N, C-alpha and C. Protein backbone atom coordinates (compact mmCIF):
# COMPACT_ATOMS: atom_id res chain seq x y z
N MET A 1 -61.54 22.51 -28.07
CA MET A 1 -61.42 23.94 -28.29
C MET A 1 -61.66 24.24 -29.76
N GLY A 2 -61.82 25.49 -30.15
CA GLY A 2 -62.13 25.90 -31.51
C GLY A 2 -60.95 25.71 -32.45
N GLU A 3 -61.06 26.38 -33.61
CA GLU A 3 -60.00 26.24 -34.60
C GLU A 3 -58.71 26.86 -34.11
N GLN A 4 -57.61 26.28 -34.54
CA GLN A 4 -56.29 26.74 -34.10
C GLN A 4 -55.90 28.00 -34.85
N LYS A 5 -55.49 29.00 -34.11
CA LYS A 5 -55.04 30.25 -34.69
C LYS A 5 -53.59 30.09 -35.15
N ILE A 6 -53.29 30.61 -36.32
CA ILE A 6 -51.91 30.57 -36.81
C ILE A 6 -51.11 31.61 -36.06
N ILE A 7 -49.99 31.19 -35.51
CA ILE A 7 -49.11 32.09 -34.78
C ILE A 7 -48.22 32.82 -35.78
N LYS A 8 -48.18 34.14 -35.66
CA LYS A 8 -47.39 34.97 -36.57
C LYS A 8 -46.22 35.58 -35.81
N ILE A 9 -45.01 35.34 -36.34
CA ILE A 9 -43.79 35.80 -35.68
C ILE A 9 -42.95 36.61 -36.65
N LEU A 10 -42.50 37.77 -36.19
CA LEU A 10 -41.59 38.61 -36.96
C LEU A 10 -40.18 38.41 -36.44
N LEU A 11 -39.28 38.00 -37.31
CA LEU A 11 -37.86 37.84 -36.98
C LEU A 11 -37.13 39.07 -37.48
N VAL A 12 -36.32 39.67 -36.60
CA VAL A 12 -35.62 40.90 -36.95
C VAL A 12 -34.12 40.68 -36.76
N SER A 13 -33.40 40.63 -37.87
CA SER A 13 -31.96 40.39 -37.82
C SER A 13 -31.34 40.73 -39.17
N GLN A 14 -30.12 41.21 -39.13
CA GLN A 14 -29.35 41.43 -40.35
C GLN A 14 -28.74 40.12 -40.84
N ASP A 15 -28.67 39.13 -39.97
CA ASP A 15 -27.96 37.89 -40.25
C ASP A 15 -28.93 36.71 -40.36
N LYS A 16 -29.46 36.49 -41.57
CA LYS A 16 -30.43 35.40 -41.77
C LYS A 16 -29.81 34.04 -41.47
N ALA A 17 -28.53 33.87 -41.78
CA ALA A 17 -27.87 32.58 -41.56
C ALA A 17 -27.85 32.22 -40.07
N ALA A 18 -27.59 33.21 -39.21
CA ALA A 18 -27.52 32.96 -37.77
C ALA A 18 -28.88 32.57 -37.19
N MET A 19 -29.96 32.95 -37.86
CA MET A 19 -31.31 32.67 -37.38
C MET A 19 -31.98 31.53 -38.16
N SER A 20 -31.28 30.92 -39.10
CA SER A 20 -31.91 29.94 -39.99
C SER A 20 -32.41 28.70 -39.25
N ALA A 21 -31.63 28.13 -38.34
CA ALA A 21 -32.06 26.94 -37.60
C ALA A 21 -33.25 27.29 -36.69
N PHE A 22 -33.22 28.45 -36.10
CA PHE A 22 -34.31 28.92 -35.25
C PHE A 22 -35.59 29.08 -36.08
N LYS A 23 -35.47 29.73 -37.23
CA LYS A 23 -36.61 29.94 -38.13
C LYS A 23 -37.18 28.60 -38.58
N ALA A 24 -36.31 27.65 -38.94
CA ALA A 24 -36.76 26.32 -39.35
C ALA A 24 -37.52 25.63 -38.21
N GLY A 25 -37.03 25.78 -36.99
CA GLY A 25 -37.71 25.20 -35.83
C GLY A 25 -39.09 25.78 -35.62
N LEU A 26 -39.24 27.07 -35.87
CA LEU A 26 -40.56 27.70 -35.76
C LEU A 26 -41.49 27.18 -36.85
N GLU A 27 -40.99 27.15 -38.08
CA GLU A 27 -41.84 26.77 -39.22
C GLU A 27 -42.24 25.29 -39.18
N GLU A 28 -41.44 24.45 -38.53
CA GLU A 28 -41.82 23.03 -38.36
C GLU A 28 -43.05 22.90 -37.48
N ASN A 29 -43.34 23.94 -36.72
CA ASN A 29 -44.48 23.94 -35.81
C ASN A 29 -45.63 24.78 -36.36
N GLN A 30 -45.75 24.85 -37.67
CA GLN A 30 -46.83 25.57 -38.35
C GLN A 30 -46.95 27.03 -37.91
N VAL A 31 -45.81 27.67 -37.77
CA VAL A 31 -45.78 29.09 -37.42
C VAL A 31 -45.49 29.88 -38.68
N GLN A 32 -46.17 30.98 -38.85
CA GLN A 32 -45.94 31.85 -40.00
C GLN A 32 -44.90 32.89 -39.60
N THR A 33 -43.80 32.95 -40.36
CA THR A 33 -42.75 33.92 -40.04
C THR A 33 -42.65 34.99 -41.12
N ALA A 34 -42.22 36.16 -40.67
CA ALA A 34 -41.90 37.26 -41.58
C ALA A 34 -40.50 37.74 -41.18
N TRP A 35 -39.85 38.46 -42.08
CA TRP A 35 -38.47 38.86 -41.87
C TRP A 35 -38.32 40.37 -42.02
N ALA A 36 -37.50 40.96 -41.16
CA ALA A 36 -37.10 42.36 -41.30
C ALA A 36 -35.61 42.44 -40.99
N GLU A 37 -34.87 43.22 -41.76
CA GLU A 37 -33.42 43.27 -41.60
C GLU A 37 -32.92 44.46 -40.79
N SER A 38 -33.84 45.32 -40.34
CA SER A 38 -33.44 46.46 -39.50
C SER A 38 -34.59 46.79 -38.55
N GLY A 39 -34.27 47.54 -37.53
CA GLY A 39 -35.30 47.96 -36.59
C GLY A 39 -36.34 48.84 -37.25
N GLY A 40 -35.90 49.77 -38.06
CA GLY A 40 -36.83 50.67 -38.75
C GLY A 40 -37.78 49.92 -39.66
N ASN A 41 -37.24 48.96 -40.42
CA ASN A 41 -38.06 48.15 -41.31
C ASN A 41 -39.07 47.33 -40.51
N ALA A 42 -38.64 46.78 -39.39
CA ALA A 42 -39.52 45.97 -38.54
C ALA A 42 -40.64 46.83 -37.94
N ILE A 43 -40.32 48.02 -37.50
CA ILE A 43 -41.33 48.90 -36.91
C ILE A 43 -42.41 49.23 -37.95
N ALA A 44 -41.99 49.44 -39.20
CA ALA A 44 -42.97 49.69 -40.27
C ALA A 44 -43.88 48.47 -40.45
N LYS A 45 -43.33 47.26 -40.40
CA LYS A 45 -44.14 46.05 -40.54
C LYS A 45 -45.09 45.88 -39.37
N ILE A 46 -44.62 46.18 -38.17
CA ILE A 46 -45.45 46.05 -36.97
C ILE A 46 -46.60 47.05 -37.00
N ALA A 47 -46.35 48.23 -37.56
CA ALA A 47 -47.40 49.24 -37.66
C ALA A 47 -48.51 48.82 -38.61
N GLU A 48 -48.19 48.01 -39.61
CA GLU A 48 -49.20 47.64 -40.61
C GLU A 48 -49.78 46.23 -40.42
N LYS A 49 -49.09 45.35 -39.69
CA LYS A 49 -49.57 43.99 -39.49
C LYS A 49 -49.53 43.62 -38.02
N SER A 50 -50.28 42.59 -37.69
CA SER A 50 -50.33 42.10 -36.32
C SER A 50 -49.44 40.86 -36.18
N PHE A 51 -48.60 40.84 -35.16
CA PHE A 51 -47.74 39.70 -34.87
C PHE A 51 -47.97 39.25 -33.43
N ASP A 52 -47.89 37.95 -33.21
CA ASP A 52 -48.02 37.41 -31.86
C ASP A 52 -46.71 37.52 -31.10
N LEU A 53 -45.61 37.54 -31.84
CA LEU A 53 -44.29 37.59 -31.23
C LEU A 53 -43.31 38.28 -32.17
N VAL A 54 -42.43 39.06 -31.58
CA VAL A 54 -41.33 39.68 -32.32
C VAL A 54 -40.04 39.17 -31.68
N VAL A 55 -39.15 38.61 -32.51
CA VAL A 55 -37.86 38.11 -32.04
C VAL A 55 -36.79 38.99 -32.66
N THR A 56 -35.98 39.62 -31.82
CA THR A 56 -34.97 40.53 -32.31
C THR A 56 -33.56 40.03 -32.03
N ASP A 57 -32.69 40.30 -32.97
CA ASP A 57 -31.27 40.02 -32.79
C ASP A 57 -30.70 41.08 -31.85
N GLU A 58 -29.48 40.86 -31.42
CA GLU A 58 -28.84 41.78 -30.47
C GLU A 58 -28.54 43.14 -31.08
N ASN A 59 -28.08 43.15 -32.33
CA ASN A 59 -27.75 44.39 -33.02
C ASN A 59 -28.43 44.39 -34.37
N LEU A 60 -29.19 45.44 -34.66
CA LEU A 60 -29.96 45.51 -35.90
C LEU A 60 -29.37 46.48 -36.91
N GLY A 61 -28.20 47.02 -36.63
CA GLY A 61 -27.59 47.98 -37.54
C GLY A 61 -28.01 49.41 -37.24
N ASP A 62 -29.32 49.67 -37.21
CA ASP A 62 -29.81 51.02 -36.93
C ASP A 62 -30.13 51.24 -35.46
N MET A 63 -30.14 50.15 -34.68
CA MET A 63 -30.38 50.25 -33.23
C MET A 63 -30.08 48.89 -32.61
N THR A 64 -30.00 48.85 -31.29
CA THR A 64 -29.81 47.56 -30.62
C THR A 64 -31.16 46.85 -30.51
N GLY A 65 -31.13 45.57 -30.21
CA GLY A 65 -32.36 44.83 -30.02
C GLY A 65 -33.21 45.38 -28.89
N LEU A 66 -32.56 45.77 -27.78
CA LEU A 66 -33.31 46.30 -26.64
C LEU A 66 -33.91 47.67 -26.96
N GLU A 67 -33.19 48.51 -27.70
CA GLU A 67 -33.76 49.81 -28.13
C GLU A 67 -34.97 49.57 -29.03
N PHE A 68 -34.85 48.58 -29.89
CA PHE A 68 -35.95 48.22 -30.78
C PHE A 68 -37.18 47.79 -29.97
N ILE A 69 -36.99 46.93 -28.98
CA ILE A 69 -38.12 46.47 -28.16
C ILE A 69 -38.77 47.65 -27.43
N GLU A 70 -37.97 48.58 -26.94
CA GLU A 70 -38.54 49.78 -26.30
C GLU A 70 -39.47 50.51 -27.27
N LYS A 71 -39.05 50.64 -28.53
CA LYS A 71 -39.89 51.32 -29.53
C LYS A 71 -41.14 50.51 -29.83
N VAL A 72 -40.98 49.19 -29.94
CA VAL A 72 -42.13 48.33 -30.24
C VAL A 72 -43.19 48.45 -29.15
N ILE A 73 -42.79 48.35 -27.89
CA ILE A 73 -43.80 48.38 -26.82
C ILE A 73 -44.42 49.77 -26.65
N SER A 74 -43.76 50.80 -27.17
CA SER A 74 -44.38 52.13 -27.13
C SER A 74 -45.46 52.25 -28.21
N ILE A 75 -45.34 51.45 -29.27
CA ILE A 75 -46.33 51.46 -30.36
C ILE A 75 -47.44 50.43 -30.08
N LYS A 76 -47.03 49.22 -29.74
CA LYS A 76 -47.98 48.12 -29.48
C LYS A 76 -47.56 47.43 -28.18
N PRO A 77 -48.04 47.93 -27.05
CA PRO A 77 -47.59 47.43 -25.75
C PRO A 77 -47.87 45.96 -25.46
N MET A 78 -48.81 45.36 -26.16
CA MET A 78 -49.17 43.97 -25.86
C MET A 78 -48.44 42.95 -26.73
N VAL A 79 -47.52 43.39 -27.57
CA VAL A 79 -46.76 42.46 -28.42
C VAL A 79 -45.75 41.72 -27.55
N ASN A 80 -45.72 40.41 -27.69
CA ASN A 80 -44.73 39.59 -27.00
C ASN A 80 -43.40 39.72 -27.72
N CYS A 81 -42.31 39.81 -26.95
CA CYS A 81 -40.98 39.98 -27.54
C CYS A 81 -39.98 39.01 -26.92
N ALA A 82 -39.03 38.59 -27.75
CA ALA A 82 -37.89 37.79 -27.30
C ALA A 82 -36.66 38.43 -27.92
N ALA A 83 -35.51 38.28 -27.27
CA ALA A 83 -34.30 38.95 -27.75
C ALA A 83 -33.08 38.05 -27.67
N VAL A 84 -32.30 38.08 -28.74
CA VAL A 84 -31.00 37.40 -28.76
C VAL A 84 -30.05 38.27 -27.94
N THR A 85 -29.24 37.62 -27.10
CA THR A 85 -28.30 38.37 -26.28
C THR A 85 -27.05 37.55 -26.00
N SER A 86 -25.94 38.26 -25.92
CA SER A 86 -24.69 37.63 -25.51
C SER A 86 -24.38 37.93 -24.04
N LEU A 87 -25.28 38.68 -23.40
CA LEU A 87 -25.09 39.05 -22.00
C LEU A 87 -25.33 37.85 -21.07
N LEU A 88 -24.68 37.88 -19.93
CA LEU A 88 -24.96 36.90 -18.88
C LEU A 88 -26.39 37.12 -18.38
N PRO A 89 -27.06 36.09 -17.87
CA PRO A 89 -28.46 36.24 -17.45
C PRO A 89 -28.72 37.42 -16.51
N ALA A 90 -27.88 37.62 -15.51
CA ALA A 90 -28.10 38.73 -14.57
C ALA A 90 -27.95 40.08 -15.27
N ASP A 91 -26.98 40.19 -16.16
CA ASP A 91 -26.76 41.43 -16.90
C ASP A 91 -27.92 41.70 -17.87
N PHE A 92 -28.41 40.64 -18.52
CA PHE A 92 -29.54 40.79 -19.43
C PHE A 92 -30.78 41.23 -18.66
N HIS A 93 -31.01 40.61 -17.52
CA HIS A 93 -32.16 40.98 -16.69
C HIS A 93 -32.10 42.46 -16.34
N GLU A 94 -30.94 42.91 -15.92
CA GLU A 94 -30.75 44.32 -15.56
C GLU A 94 -30.99 45.24 -16.76
N ALA A 95 -30.41 44.89 -17.90
CA ALA A 95 -30.51 45.73 -19.10
C ALA A 95 -31.93 45.76 -19.67
N SER A 96 -32.68 44.67 -19.50
CA SER A 96 -34.00 44.57 -20.13
C SER A 96 -35.15 44.77 -19.14
N GLU A 97 -34.84 45.09 -17.91
CA GLU A 97 -35.87 45.24 -16.90
C GLU A 97 -36.94 46.24 -17.34
N GLY A 98 -38.19 45.85 -17.17
CA GLY A 98 -39.30 46.72 -17.52
C GLY A 98 -39.78 46.57 -18.96
N LEU A 99 -39.07 45.77 -19.77
CA LEU A 99 -39.46 45.60 -21.16
C LEU A 99 -40.40 44.42 -21.37
N GLY A 100 -40.54 43.58 -20.37
CA GLY A 100 -41.45 42.45 -20.47
C GLY A 100 -41.03 41.42 -21.50
N ILE A 101 -39.76 41.18 -21.63
CA ILE A 101 -39.27 40.23 -22.62
C ILE A 101 -39.62 38.81 -22.20
N LEU A 102 -40.23 38.09 -23.11
CA LEU A 102 -40.70 36.73 -22.86
C LEU A 102 -39.55 35.78 -22.56
N MET A 103 -38.45 35.93 -23.32
CA MET A 103 -37.35 34.99 -23.16
C MET A 103 -36.10 35.51 -23.85
N PRO A 104 -34.95 35.44 -23.16
CA PRO A 104 -33.69 35.74 -23.84
C PRO A 104 -33.27 34.52 -24.67
N LEU A 105 -32.63 34.77 -25.78
CA LEU A 105 -32.16 33.70 -26.66
C LEU A 105 -30.65 33.81 -26.83
N PRO A 106 -29.95 32.69 -26.97
CA PRO A 106 -28.51 32.75 -27.19
C PRO A 106 -28.20 33.23 -28.61
N VAL A 107 -26.98 33.67 -28.82
CA VAL A 107 -26.52 34.05 -30.15
C VAL A 107 -26.67 32.81 -31.04
N SER A 108 -27.16 32.99 -32.25
CA SER A 108 -27.44 31.89 -33.19
C SER A 108 -28.34 30.82 -32.57
N PRO A 109 -29.56 31.20 -32.17
CA PRO A 109 -30.47 30.23 -31.55
C PRO A 109 -30.84 29.13 -32.53
N GLY A 110 -31.19 27.97 -31.99
CA GLY A 110 -31.53 26.82 -32.84
C GLY A 110 -32.94 26.32 -32.61
N GLN A 111 -33.18 25.12 -33.07
CA GLN A 111 -34.50 24.51 -33.00
C GLN A 111 -34.97 24.32 -31.56
N GLU A 112 -34.06 23.93 -30.68
CA GLU A 112 -34.44 23.72 -29.27
C GLU A 112 -34.99 25.01 -28.65
N GLN A 113 -34.32 26.13 -28.93
CA GLN A 113 -34.80 27.41 -28.40
C GLN A 113 -36.14 27.80 -29.05
N ALA A 114 -36.29 27.49 -30.33
CA ALA A 114 -37.56 27.80 -31.01
C ALA A 114 -38.71 27.05 -30.34
N GLU A 115 -38.50 25.78 -30.04
CA GLU A 115 -39.56 24.98 -29.41
C GLU A 115 -39.87 25.46 -28.00
N LYS A 116 -38.84 25.81 -27.24
CA LYS A 116 -39.04 26.30 -25.87
C LYS A 116 -39.80 27.64 -25.89
N LEU A 117 -39.40 28.52 -26.80
CA LEU A 117 -40.06 29.81 -26.91
C LEU A 117 -41.51 29.64 -27.35
N LEU A 118 -41.76 28.78 -28.32
CA LEU A 118 -43.13 28.53 -28.77
C LEU A 118 -44.00 27.98 -27.65
N SER A 119 -43.45 27.11 -26.83
CA SER A 119 -44.20 26.56 -25.71
C SER A 119 -44.62 27.68 -24.76
N ARG A 120 -43.70 28.57 -24.43
CA ARG A 120 -44.04 29.70 -23.55
C ARG A 120 -45.07 30.62 -24.20
N LEU A 121 -44.87 30.90 -25.48
CA LEU A 121 -45.79 31.79 -26.19
C LEU A 121 -47.19 31.20 -26.23
N LYS A 122 -47.30 29.91 -26.53
CA LYS A 122 -48.62 29.26 -26.60
C LYS A 122 -49.33 29.32 -25.25
N THR A 123 -48.59 29.16 -24.17
CA THR A 123 -49.18 29.27 -22.84
C THR A 123 -49.76 30.66 -22.63
N ILE A 124 -49.00 31.67 -22.99
CA ILE A 124 -49.46 33.06 -22.83
C ILE A 124 -50.68 33.32 -23.71
N LEU A 125 -50.63 32.89 -24.97
CA LEU A 125 -51.75 33.12 -25.87
C LEU A 125 -53.01 32.42 -25.39
N GLU A 126 -52.88 31.24 -24.80
CA GLU A 126 -54.04 30.53 -24.25
C GLU A 126 -54.64 31.29 -23.08
N VAL A 127 -53.80 31.81 -22.20
CA VAL A 127 -54.29 32.58 -21.05
C VAL A 127 -55.01 33.84 -21.52
N VAL A 128 -54.42 34.54 -22.47
CA VAL A 128 -55.04 35.75 -23.00
C VAL A 128 -56.38 35.42 -23.67
N SER A 129 -56.41 34.35 -24.43
CA SER A 129 -57.65 33.94 -25.11
C SER A 129 -58.74 33.61 -24.09
N GLU A 130 -58.38 32.86 -23.05
CA GLU A 130 -59.36 32.51 -22.01
C GLU A 130 -59.86 33.75 -21.29
N ALA A 131 -58.97 34.70 -21.03
CA ALA A 131 -59.37 35.95 -20.37
C ALA A 131 -60.33 36.74 -21.26
N GLN A 132 -60.06 36.76 -22.56
CA GLN A 132 -60.95 37.46 -23.48
C GLN A 132 -62.31 36.80 -23.53
N ILE A 133 -62.34 35.47 -23.52
CA ILE A 133 -63.61 34.74 -23.54
C ILE A 133 -64.39 35.04 -22.27
N ARG A 134 -63.71 35.00 -21.11
CA ARG A 134 -64.39 35.31 -19.84
C ARG A 134 -64.90 36.74 -19.84
N SER A 135 -64.10 37.67 -20.37
CA SER A 135 -64.49 39.07 -20.42
C SER A 135 -65.74 39.24 -21.30
N LYS A 136 -65.77 38.57 -22.45
CA LYS A 136 -66.93 38.65 -23.33
C LYS A 136 -68.14 38.03 -22.64
N GLY A 137 -67.92 36.92 -21.93
CA GLY A 137 -69.00 36.27 -21.21
C GLY A 137 -69.56 37.16 -20.12
N LYS A 138 -68.68 37.84 -19.39
CA LYS A 138 -69.12 38.75 -18.33
C LYS A 138 -69.87 39.93 -18.93
N ALA A 139 -69.39 40.46 -20.05
CA ALA A 139 -70.07 41.58 -20.70
C ALA A 139 -71.47 41.17 -21.13
N GLN A 140 -71.60 39.95 -21.69
CA GLN A 140 -72.91 39.44 -22.10
C GLN A 140 -73.82 39.28 -20.88
N ALA A 141 -73.27 38.72 -19.80
CA ALA A 141 -74.06 38.55 -18.58
C ALA A 141 -74.50 39.90 -18.02
N ASP A 142 -73.61 40.89 -18.05
CA ASP A 142 -73.97 42.23 -17.58
C ASP A 142 -75.09 42.84 -18.42
N ARG A 143 -75.02 42.64 -19.76
CA ARG A 143 -76.08 43.16 -20.63
C ARG A 143 -77.41 42.47 -20.34
N GLU A 144 -77.36 41.18 -20.15
CA GLU A 144 -78.59 40.43 -19.85
C GLU A 144 -79.17 40.86 -18.51
N SER A 145 -78.30 41.06 -17.53
CA SER A 145 -78.74 41.50 -16.21
C SER A 145 -79.38 42.88 -16.29
N ALA A 146 -78.74 43.77 -17.05
CA ALA A 146 -79.28 45.13 -17.22
C ALA A 146 -80.64 45.09 -17.92
N ALA A 147 -80.75 44.23 -18.92
CA ALA A 147 -82.01 44.10 -19.63
C ALA A 147 -83.09 43.56 -18.71
N TYR A 148 -82.72 42.59 -17.87
CA TYR A 148 -83.68 41.99 -16.94
C TYR A 148 -84.16 43.04 -15.95
N LYS A 149 -83.20 43.85 -15.41
CA LYS A 149 -83.58 44.87 -14.43
C LYS A 149 -84.44 45.95 -15.05
N GLY A 150 -84.28 46.15 -16.38
CA GLY A 150 -85.07 47.18 -17.07
C GLY A 150 -86.49 46.73 -17.37
N MET A 151 -86.81 45.47 -17.15
CA MET A 151 -88.16 44.96 -17.46
C MET A 151 -89.17 45.47 -16.49
């Protein structure tokens, strides 16, 4: 396959210490991370830069993590998101239904969660990349076919 794309992840939390092991786990895998300490600050960063994944803490001070994800997907619907939660799995599923969250994370996630999340994200990015390649290939074939028919 071609050159490896650097994965860009935005971490959103008021508590850097609680996310430090998780962040270290991401960076050990050649992931570029950025930091935002509030939902509003993160939304401004998302509006100006492209991220492959946004990871939000449960409470951001100015809004909850789930409220933040709702705002993110209204601005950039194709951004992958993960959320820290203290909710039980069934309760989290109910609360986050329709938001397309890639993966819930435990409070103070660590390296193991970072690796699991990266594995899921890489799978999704590969599928999207392959779909884009097929789409470009089909568009090229359609143009060639149209040109041939026009002869």
